[in-house]
Amino acid sequence: MFKRSPDRPANATLAAAGLPDFFSSEFLTGHVADTMAFHYPRCVDASGGFYHHFRDDGSVHDAATRHLLSSAGFVSVFANAYRHFDNPDYQGMVRHGVDFLRRVHRDPATGGYAWKLAWQHGEARVLDGDNRCHGLAAVLLAYAHALMAGVQEARAWVHETWDLMERRFWEPEQGLYADRASADWNVLFPYRGQAANMHVCEALLAAWRATGHVSFLQRAETIAWNVTQRQAARAGGMLWEHYRQDWSPDWDLDRRDDPGLFRPWGYQPGQFTQWSKLLLQLEAHWSLLMRDPDWLLPSAQALYAGALRHALDRRHGGLHAGLAPDGGVCDADKLAWVQAETLAAAALLGARTGQQHYWSDYERMWTYCWEHFVDHEHGAWHPVLRADNGRYSIGKTAAGKADCHIMGACYDIIPALDKHHG
């Protein structure tokens, strides 16, 4: 269950501005509950899995398309909600979502998981059957959270998914995972990406918490070192997204092709701040790591500082979505998940270092999100805004998103606030 903040007066500055107390655990608890209320129960498809595509008002605008990241993401969302709110209905939704992962997304002949499906009248049609490491990371994360939510069968599925990733994607000579393979596993594509490895690191941290197997934690550290130290050194100290098969940076990939939703060109400042958070979470278990942990905090601080230095919009607020190799903004949109991960990183850095400027960033970012991203009429967050914070559409969710970043950030921030108020 959530731990309450110590008794203390409300934040007078925020109250005077008509804003909630962003430094209150009760506020964060309520915000998660409000966000869950937007999704549940309207997201539940009684025939299997969850609906993924909603308009602002919560109506479903695409009942058929199912994306692996959303299918797995809803499992993690409900598992976390069950653990923190102790609502048995949420545990039932964990089982409902896991059933869809294993019965519909998973191919029992290959062990792989279809990336994208059409699901209608209890029948599935595969739209994209390729196996992606990012997808398996989401599945591993879902099974780990399911196990922590009391679904004991998920323990075997955590290890099953880990073994599959080891056989199919792990490249020990590089110390990182490959990105994509064909549905039958016969073709391993040459593209390599840091984003998939970041999501594997996140999933392995959850697998460590769920099982206590230190090998998961140590593999997470290996990935973190190789991405944020070795690969960053090949890109001027920043985290480039795209690489060739030998892990040399591919500076033009996806500028010459359709970038798609999950492989945008450029530096991604949201990945910088998410890595910052993950490095601090690794550091919390420093005694079990394989190398001296002294690099973790400085790297977390540098990545966070780089994101704000290059991507912060000082006129309209928030962080821009993408940066070019020279550090200039190449994608001026504002993405909800980027702001959420930055909130979490700021809070964790503030709690870890005691430095006030991180908490000032946290307050400023929450104020911006509250004013522009949070939908105070219908609930949840708008997924993407223009540079000037205008809306693109009335869509509330996009493919592969289940508000995991937003609610996950709140869960990550609460213990940091408890430490801050200590």
Protein backbone atom coordinates (compact mmCIF):
# COMPACT_ATOMS: atom_id res chain seq x y z
CA MET A 1 0.00 0.00 0.00
CA PHE A 2 1.03 3.61 -0.42
CA LYS A 3 2.92 5.14 2.45
CA ARG A 4 1.51 8.44 3.61
CA SER A 5 3.61 11.58 3.82
CA PRO A 6 4.47 12.83 7.31
CA ASP A 7 1.99 15.38 8.62
CA ARG A 8 3.05 18.78 7.36
CA PRO A 9 1.45 21.96 6.05
CA ALA A 10 0.41 22.11 2.40
CA ASN A 11 2.80 23.79 -0.01
CA ALA A 12 1.73 27.43 0.36
CA THR A 13 3.21 28.58 -2.95
CA LEU A 14 1.37 25.94 -4.93
CA ALA A 15 -1.86 26.50 -3.00
CA ALA A 16 -1.69 30.23 -3.67
CA ALA A 17 -1.39 29.48 -7.39
CA GLY A 18 -4.45 27.23 -7.26
CA LEU A 19 -2.33 24.13 -7.82
CA PRO A 20 -2.32 20.85 -5.89
CA ASP A 21 0.57 19.96 -3.62
CA PHE A 22 2.86 18.07 -5.99
CA PHE A 23 5.06 17.19 -2.99
CA SER A 24 2.28 15.18 -1.34
CA SER A 25 2.09 11.40 -1.58
CA GLU A 26 -1.66 11.76 -1.26
CA PHE A 27 -1.75 13.90 -4.40
CA LEU A 28 0.21 11.29 -6.36
CA THR A 29 -1.97 8.47 -5.01
CA GLY A 30 -5.06 10.37 -6.10
CA HIS A 31 -3.60 11.12 -9.51
CA VAL A 32 -2.91 7.42 -10.14
CA ALA A 33 -6.45 6.59 -9.01
CA ASP A 34 -7.89 9.23 -11.35
CA THR A 35 -5.82 7.92 -14.26
CA MET A 36 -6.89 4.34 -13.53
CA ALA A 37 -10.51 5.50 -13.47
CA PHE A 38 -10.17 6.71 -17.06
CA HIS A 39 -9.00 3.28 -18.22
CA TYR A 40 -10.94 0.87 -16.02
CA PRO A 41 -13.36 -0.71 -16.71
CA ARG A 42 -13.79 0.74 -20.21
CA CYS A 43 -10.49 -0.78 -21.40
CA VAL A 44 -11.62 -4.37 -20.77
CA ASP A 45 -12.61 -6.49 -23.75
CA ALA A 46 -14.56 -9.44 -22.38
CA SER A 47 -13.55 -11.52 -25.40
CA GLY A 48 -9.86 -11.12 -24.56
CA GLY A 49 -7.29 -8.52 -23.60
CA PHE A 50 -7.87 -4.79 -23.53
CA TYR A 51 -8.90 -2.06 -25.92
CA HIS A 52 -5.97 0.20 -26.77
CA HIS A 53 -7.33 3.22 -28.64
CA PHE A 54 -9.50 5.84 -26.96
CA ARG A 55 -10.77 9.31 -27.73
CA ASP A 56 -10.54 12.07 -25.16
CA ASP A 57 -13.93 11.18 -23.72
CA GLY A 58 -12.96 7.53 -23.27
CA SER A 59 -14.88 6.13 -26.22
CA VAL A 60 -13.09 3.41 -28.19
CA HIS A 61 -12.17 4.43 -31.73
CA ASP A 62 -10.40 1.19 -32.76
CA ALA A 63 -11.66 -1.95 -31.08
CA ALA A 64 -9.61 -4.42 -33.12
CA THR A 65 -5.94 -3.39 -33.21
CA ARG A 66 -3.81 -4.86 -30.44
CA HIS A 67 -0.19 -3.89 -29.96
CA LEU A 68 2.13 -6.02 -27.88
CA LEU A 69 3.45 -3.04 -25.91
CA SER A 70 -0.07 -2.03 -24.90
CA SER A 71 -1.20 -5.61 -24.18
CA ALA A 72 1.80 -6.11 -21.90
CA GLY A 73 1.64 -2.56 -20.57
CA PHE A 74 -1.89 -2.98 -19.24
CA VAL A 75 -0.74 -6.06 -17.31
CA SER A 76 1.94 -3.96 -15.62
CA VAL A 77 -0.55 -1.14 -14.98
CA PHE A 78 -3.08 -3.41 -13.28
CA ALA A 79 -0.39 -5.31 -11.35
CA ASN A 80 1.03 -2.10 -9.89
CA ALA A 81 -2.47 -0.84 -9.10
CA TYR A 82 -3.34 -4.08 -7.31
CA ARG A 83 -0.20 -3.89 -5.19
CA HIS A 84 -0.76 -0.27 -4.24
CA PHE A 85 -4.56 -0.14 -3.88
CA ASP A 86 -5.26 -3.76 -2.86
CA ASN A 87 -8.29 -3.96 -5.15
CA PRO A 88 -8.91 -7.63 -6.05
CA ASP A 89 -10.57 -6.57 -9.32
CA TYR A 90 -7.18 -5.32 -10.46
CA GLN A 91 -5.58 -8.70 -9.83
CA GLY A 92 -8.32 -10.24 -11.93
CA MET A 93 -7.37 -7.86 -14.74
CA VAL A 94 -3.73 -8.96 -14.41
CA ARG A 95 -4.81 -12.53 -15.08
CA HIS A 96 -7.10 -11.38 -17.90
CA GLY A 97 -4.18 -9.57 -19.57
CA VAL A 98 -1.67 -12.37 -19.06
CA ASP A 99 -4.12 -14.81 -20.61
CA PHE A 100 -4.23 -12.67 -23.77
CA LEU A 101 -0.44 -12.44 -23.93
CA ARG A 102 -0.01 -16.19 -23.71
CA ARG A 103 -3.05 -17.32 -25.67
CA VAL A 104 -3.09 -14.76 -28.48
CA HIS A 105 0.19 -12.82 -28.81
CA ARG A 106 2.46 -15.78 -28.08
CA ASP A 107 3.18 -18.35 -30.79
CA PRO A 108 3.53 -21.71 -28.98
CA ALA A 109 5.54 -23.14 -31.89
CA THR A 110 8.28 -20.49 -31.79
CA GLY A 111 7.91 -18.97 -28.34
CA GLY A 112 7.79 -15.53 -29.95
CA TYR A 113 5.20 -12.80 -29.51
CA ALA A 114 3.37 -11.08 -32.36
CA TRP A 115 4.05 -7.35 -32.39
CA LYS A 116 0.66 -6.32 -33.78
CA LEU A 117 -2.69 -8.11 -34.14
CA ALA A 118 -6.24 -7.56 -35.27
CA TRP A 119 -8.61 -9.15 -32.73
CA GLN A 120 -12.27 -9.48 -33.60
CA HIS A 121 -14.98 -11.86 -32.42
CA GLY A 122 -12.46 -13.95 -30.52
CA GLU A 123 -10.23 -14.49 -33.55
CA ALA A 124 -6.73 -13.06 -34.13
CA ARG A 125 -5.16 -12.01 -37.40
CA VAL A 126 -1.44 -11.25 -37.24
CA LEU A 127 -0.60 -7.88 -38.75
CA ASP A 128 3.08 -7.92 -37.80
CA GLY A 129 4.51 -11.18 -36.47
CA ASP A 130 8.16 -10.14 -36.19
CA ASN A 131 9.85 -10.57 -32.83
CA ARG A 132 11.23 -7.42 -31.25
CA CYS A 133 13.44 -7.19 -28.20
CA HIS A 134 11.45 -4.16 -27.03
CA GLY A 135 8.35 -6.34 -27.12
CA LEU A 136 9.95 -9.14 -25.13
CA ALA A 137 11.16 -6.56 -22.61
CA ALA A 138 7.55 -5.43 -22.14
CA VAL A 139 6.45 -9.05 -21.74
CA LEU A 140 9.18 -9.74 -19.18
CA LEU A 141 8.17 -6.58 -17.29
CA ALA A 142 4.53 -7.68 -17.35
CA TYR A 143 5.31 -11.15 -16.00
CA ALA A 144 7.56 -9.71 -13.26
CA HIS A 145 4.83 -7.30 -12.15
CA ALA A 146 2.24 -10.08 -12.36
CA LEU A 147 4.38 -12.22 -10.06
CA MET A 148 4.70 -9.32 -7.59
CA ALA A 149 0.90 -9.00 -7.76
CA GLY A 150 0.47 -12.60 -6.60
CA VAL A 151 0.14 -14.44 -9.91
CA GLN A 152 2.49 -17.25 -8.97
CA GLU A 153 2.37 -18.93 -12.40
CA ALA A 154 4.21 -15.90 -13.76
CA ARG A 155 7.44 -16.97 -12.04
CA ALA A 156 8.01 -19.65 -14.69
CA TRP A 157 7.11 -17.18 -17.45
CA VAL A 158 9.70 -14.67 -16.20
CA HIS A 159 12.39 -17.31 -16.64
CA GLU A 160 10.91 -18.54 -19.93
CA THR A 161 11.07 -15.03 -21.40
CA TRP A 162 14.57 -14.43 -20.07
CA ASP A 163 15.74 -17.71 -21.65
CA LEU A 164 14.14 -16.77 -24.98
CA MET A 165 15.87 -13.40 -25.01
CA GLU A 166 19.17 -15.04 -24.14
CA ARG A 167 18.90 -17.50 -27.02
CA ARG A 168 17.59 -15.16 -29.66
CA PHE A 169 18.79 -11.62 -28.96
CA TRP A 170 21.72 -11.58 -26.51
CA GLU A 171 25.12 -10.83 -28.12
CA PRO A 172 27.76 -11.51 -25.48
CA GLU A 173 30.61 -10.01 -27.51
CA GLN A 174 28.81 -6.66 -27.39
CA GLY A 175 27.14 -7.09 -24.03
CA LEU A 176 23.84 -5.90 -25.49
CA TYR A 177 20.70 -7.25 -27.13
CA ALA A 178 19.91 -7.27 -30.84
CA ASP A 179 16.68 -5.57 -31.84
CA ARG A 180 14.47 -7.51 -34.23
CA ALA A 181 14.03 -10.97 -35.75
CA SER A 182 11.56 -12.51 -38.16
CA ALA A 183 8.50 -14.31 -36.85
CA ASP A 184 10.18 -17.69 -37.41
CA TRP A 185 13.48 -16.47 -35.91
CA ASN A 186 15.33 -17.36 -39.14
CA VAL A 187 16.38 -13.76 -39.84
CA LEU A 188 18.07 -11.47 -37.33
CA PHE A 189 17.95 -7.95 -38.74
CA PRO A 190 21.16 -5.86 -38.65
CA TYR A 191 19.66 -2.84 -36.90
CA ARG A 192 20.72 -2.30 -33.28
CA GLY A 193 19.10 0.18 -30.91
CA GLN A 194 19.68 1.53 -27.46
CA ALA A 195 15.96 1.94 -26.68
CA ALA A 196 15.25 -1.79 -26.62
CA ASN A 197 18.19 -2.30 -24.28
CA MET A 198 16.94 0.43 -21.97
CA HIS A 199 13.58 -1.30 -21.74
CA VAL A 200 15.29 -4.63 -21.06
CA CYS A 201 17.23 -2.97 -18.24
CA GLU A 202 13.95 -1.73 -16.76
CA ALA A 203 12.37 -5.18 -17.09
CA LEU A 204 15.36 -6.90 -15.50
CA LEU A 205 15.18 -4.58 -12.50
CA ALA A 206 11.56 -5.66 -12.06
CA ALA A 207 12.50 -9.33 -12.53
CA TRP A 208 15.13 -8.91 -9.81
CA ARG A 209 12.55 -7.43 -7.42
CA ALA A 210 10.07 -10.19 -8.25
CA THR A 211 12.37 -13.17 -7.96
CA GLY A 212 15.44 -12.08 -5.99
CA HIS A 213 17.69 -13.65 -8.65
CA VAL A 214 20.79 -11.49 -8.65
CA SER A 215 21.66 -12.48 -12.23
CA PHE A 216 18.82 -10.22 -13.42
CA LEU A 217 20.24 -7.26 -11.52
CA GLN A 218 23.77 -7.87 -12.75
CA ARG A 219 22.65 -8.17 -16.37
CA ALA A 220 20.77 -4.88 -15.96
CA GLU A 221 24.03 -3.30 -14.79
CA THR A 222 25.94 -4.73 -17.78
CA ILE A 223 23.43 -3.21 -20.18
CA ALA A 224 23.47 0.12 -18.36
CA TRP A 225 27.27 0.31 -18.45
CA ASN A 226 27.53 -0.59 -22.10
CA VAL A 227 24.85 1.89 -23.19
CA THR A 228 25.54 4.87 -20.93
CA GLN A 229 29.33 4.54 -20.87
CA ARG A 230 30.69 2.72 -23.92
CA GLN A 231 28.02 3.69 -26.45
CA ALA A 232 27.72 7.21 -25.09
CA ALA A 233 31.47 7.65 -25.61
CA ARG A 234 30.88 6.91 -29.30
CA ALA A 235 28.33 9.75 -29.49
CA GLY A 236 30.00 12.64 -27.69
CA GLY A 237 28.77 11.57 -24.26
CA MET A 238 25.10 11.46 -25.30
CA LEU A 239 22.85 8.50 -26.08
CA TRP A 240 22.28 8.09 -29.79
CA GLU A 241 19.34 5.88 -30.68
CA HIS A 242 20.41 3.96 -33.78
CA TYR A 243 23.35 1.67 -34.51
CA ARG A 244 24.68 -0.68 -37.12
CA GLN A 245 25.23 -4.36 -36.44
CA ASP A 246 28.68 -3.68 -34.95
CA TRP A 247 27.16 -1.02 -32.65
CA SER A 248 28.75 1.89 -34.48
CA PRO A 249 26.34 4.87 -34.61
CA ASP A 250 24.15 5.13 -37.68
CA TRP A 251 23.59 8.88 -37.82
CA ASP A 252 21.22 8.84 -40.79
CA LEU A 253 19.01 5.82 -40.09
CA ASP A 254 15.32 6.72 -40.11
CA ARG A 255 15.99 10.17 -41.44
CA ARG A 256 16.19 8.49 -44.83
CA ASP A 257 13.22 6.19 -44.06
CA ASP A 258 9.87 6.46 -42.33
CA PRO A 259 10.88 6.86 -38.66
CA GLY A 260 7.76 5.26 -37.24
CA LEU A 261 6.54 5.60 -33.67
CA PHE A 262 9.17 3.47 -31.96
CA ARG A 263 12.32 4.34 -33.88
CA PRO A 264 12.48 8.14 -34.26
CA TRP A 265 15.59 9.80 -35.59
CA GLY A 266 17.78 11.79 -33.24
CA TYR A 267 18.65 11.91 -29.59
CA GLN A 268 15.63 11.29 -27.38
CA PRO A 269 15.79 13.42 -24.20
CA GLY A 270 13.08 11.28 -22.60
CA GLN A 271 15.45 8.32 -22.89
CA PHE A 272 18.14 10.40 -21.16
CA THR A 273 15.93 11.08 -18.15
CA GLN A 274 14.57 7.54 -18.06
CA TRP A 275 18.13 6.21 -18.02
CA SER A 276 18.91 8.70 -15.24
CA LYS A 277 16.14 7.15 -13.16
CA LEU A 278 17.23 3.59 -13.95
CA LEU A 279 20.84 4.31 -12.99
CA LEU A 280 19.72 5.57 -9.59
CA GLN A 281 17.55 2.49 -9.12
CA LEU A 282 20.57 0.33 -9.90
CA GLU A 283 22.71 2.28 -7.46
CA ALA A 284 20.25 1.49 -4.68
CA HIS A 285 21.50 -2.12 -4.90
CA TRP A 286 25.17 -1.21 -5.26
CA SER A 287 26.42 -3.97 -2.93
CA LEU A 288 25.21 -6.62 -5.40
CA LEU A 289 26.69 -5.05 -8.52
CA MET A 290 29.76 -6.40 -10.26
CA ARG A 291 31.73 -3.17 -10.60
CA ASP A 292 32.41 -0.10 -8.49
CA PRO A 293 29.14 1.89 -8.44
CA ASP A 294 30.81 5.31 -8.39
CA TRP A 295 29.90 5.92 -12.06
CA LEU A 296 26.15 5.61 -11.54
CA LEU A 297 25.26 8.89 -9.85
CA PRO A 298 27.52 11.11 -12.02
CA SER A 299 26.12 9.47 -15.15
CA ALA A 300 22.54 9.93 -13.93
CA GLN A 301 23.21 13.60 -13.25
CA ALA A 302 24.93 14.17 -16.59
CA LEU A 303 22.15 12.55 -18.61
CA TYR A 304 19.49 14.52 -16.80
CA ALA A 305 21.42 17.77 -17.21
CA GLY A 306 21.94 17.08 -20.92
CA ALA A 307 18.23 16.53 -21.48
CA LEU A 308 17.26 19.79 -19.80
CA ARG A 309 20.09 21.80 -21.34
CA HIS A 310 19.16 20.89 -24.91
CA ALA A 311 15.45 20.01 -24.82
CA LEU A 312 13.82 22.32 -22.27
CA ASP A 313 11.43 24.77 -23.92
CA ARG A 314 11.99 27.96 -21.94
CA ARG A 315 9.15 29.77 -23.70
CA HIS A 316 6.29 27.27 -23.62
CA GLY A 317 7.51 24.81 -20.97
CA GLY A 318 8.20 21.09 -21.07
CA LEU A 319 10.79 19.10 -22.96
CA HIS A 320 10.90 18.72 -26.73
CA ALA A 321 10.79 15.22 -28.17
CA GLY A 322 13.95 14.98 -30.30
CA LEU A 323 17.44 16.43 -30.72
CA ALA A 324 19.71 16.45 -33.75
CA PRO A 325 23.37 15.38 -33.56
CA ASP A 326 24.40 19.01 -32.98
CA GLY A 327 22.09 19.26 -29.98
CA GLY A 328 19.50 21.38 -31.72
CA VAL A 329 15.80 20.52 -31.57
CA CYS A 330 14.72 18.33 -34.50
CA ASP A 331 11.30 17.32 -33.13
CA ALA A 332 9.63 20.13 -31.20
CA ASP A 333 6.58 18.14 -30.12
CA LYS A 334 5.92 17.51 -26.45
CA LEU A 335 5.31 13.86 -25.48
CA ALA A 336 3.58 12.87 -22.26
CA TRP A 337 5.97 10.02 -21.48
CA VAL A 338 8.99 12.34 -21.78
CA GLN A 339 7.59 14.73 -19.18
CA ALA A 340 6.63 11.85 -16.87
CA GLU A 341 10.09 10.26 -16.93
CA THR A 342 11.66 13.67 -16.32
CA LEU A 343 9.43 14.18 -13.28
CA ALA A 344 10.60 10.84 -11.86
CA ALA A 345 14.27 11.53 -12.58
CA ALA A 346 14.09 14.96 -10.96
CA ALA A 347 12.51 13.52 -7.80
CA LEU A 348 14.96 10.64 -7.53
CA LEU A 349 17.92 12.95 -8.06
CA GLY A 350 16.54 15.40 -5.51
CA ALA A 351 16.11 12.65 -2.92
CA ARG A 352 19.51 11.11 -3.67
CA THR A 353 21.58 14.32 -3.64
CA GLY A 354 19.58 16.70 -1.46
CA GLN A 355 20.13 19.42 -4.07
CA GLN A 356 17.22 21.86 -4.22
CA HIS A 357 17.48 22.61 -7.94
CA TYR A 358 16.15 19.14 -8.75
CA TRP A 359 13.07 19.79 -6.63
CA SER A 360 12.63 23.17 -8.33
CA ASP A 361 12.71 21.36 -11.68
CA TYR A 362 10.19 18.85 -10.32
CA GLU A 363 7.76 21.56 -9.24
CA ARG A 364 8.12 23.46 -12.51
CA MET A 365 7.61 20.31 -14.58
CA TRP A 366 4.54 19.23 -12.60
CA THR A 367 3.05 22.70 -12.95
CA TYR A 368 3.55 22.54 -16.71
CA CYS A 369 2.06 19.03 -16.98
CA TRP A 370 -0.89 19.96 -14.77
CA GLU A 371 -1.69 22.95 -16.96
CA HIS A 372 -1.19 21.35 -20.36
CA PHE A 373 -1.06 17.53 -20.34
CA VAL A 374 -3.54 16.47 -17.65
CA ASP A 375 -7.10 16.25 -19.02
CA HIS A 376 -9.08 17.74 -16.15
CA GLU A 377 -12.40 17.10 -17.88
CA HIS A 378 -12.15 13.43 -18.87
CA GLY A 379 -9.08 12.11 -17.03
CA ALA A 380 -5.61 10.76 -17.97
CA TRP A 381 -3.09 12.76 -20.03
CA HIS A 382 -3.04 13.99 -23.59
CA PRO A 383 -0.34 11.87 -25.27
CA VAL A 384 1.27 14.49 -27.52
CA LEU A 385 1.18 18.29 -27.89
CA ARG A 386 2.60 20.73 -30.37
CA ALA A 387 5.57 22.88 -29.43
CA ASP A 388 3.16 25.63 -28.32
CA ASN A 389 1.16 23.05 -26.32
CA GLY A 390 -1.72 22.95 -28.81
CA ARG A 391 -3.54 19.71 -29.51
CA TYR A 392 -3.13 17.59 -32.62
CA SER A 393 -6.24 15.46 -32.23
CA ILE A 394 -8.84 14.22 -29.77
CA GLY A 395 -7.06 10.89 -29.40
CA LYS A 396 -6.18 9.97 -25.82
CA THR A 397 -3.95 6.96 -26.39
CA ALA A 398 -1.56 5.87 -29.13
CA ALA A 399 -0.32 2.46 -30.22
CA GLY A 400 1.94 0.88 -27.65
CA LYS A 401 0.90 3.20 -24.83
CA ALA A 402 -1.11 2.36 -21.73
CA ASP A 403 -0.13 5.32 -19.48
CA CYS A 404 2.58 3.11 -17.95
CA HIS A 405 5.07 6.00 -17.85
CA ILE A 406 2.65 8.37 -16.13
CA MET A 407 1.47 6.06 -13.37
CA GLY A 408 4.91 4.46 -13.11
CA ALA A 409 6.44 7.88 -12.51
CA CYS A 410 4.04 8.47 -9.63
CA TYR A 411 4.97 5.13 -8.06
CA ASP A 412 8.68 5.98 -8.41
CA ILE A 413 8.26 9.47 -6.97
CA ILE A 414 6.38 8.53 -3.78
CA PRO A 415 9.36 6.90 -1.99
CA ALA A 416 11.57 9.78 -3.14
CA LEU A 417 9.13 12.22 -1.51
CA ASP A 418 9.10 10.14 1.67
CA LYS A 419 12.89 10.39 1.75
CA HIS A 420 12.75 14.12 0.99
CA HIS A 421 10.29 14.81 3.81
CA GLY A 422 12.06 12.24 6.05
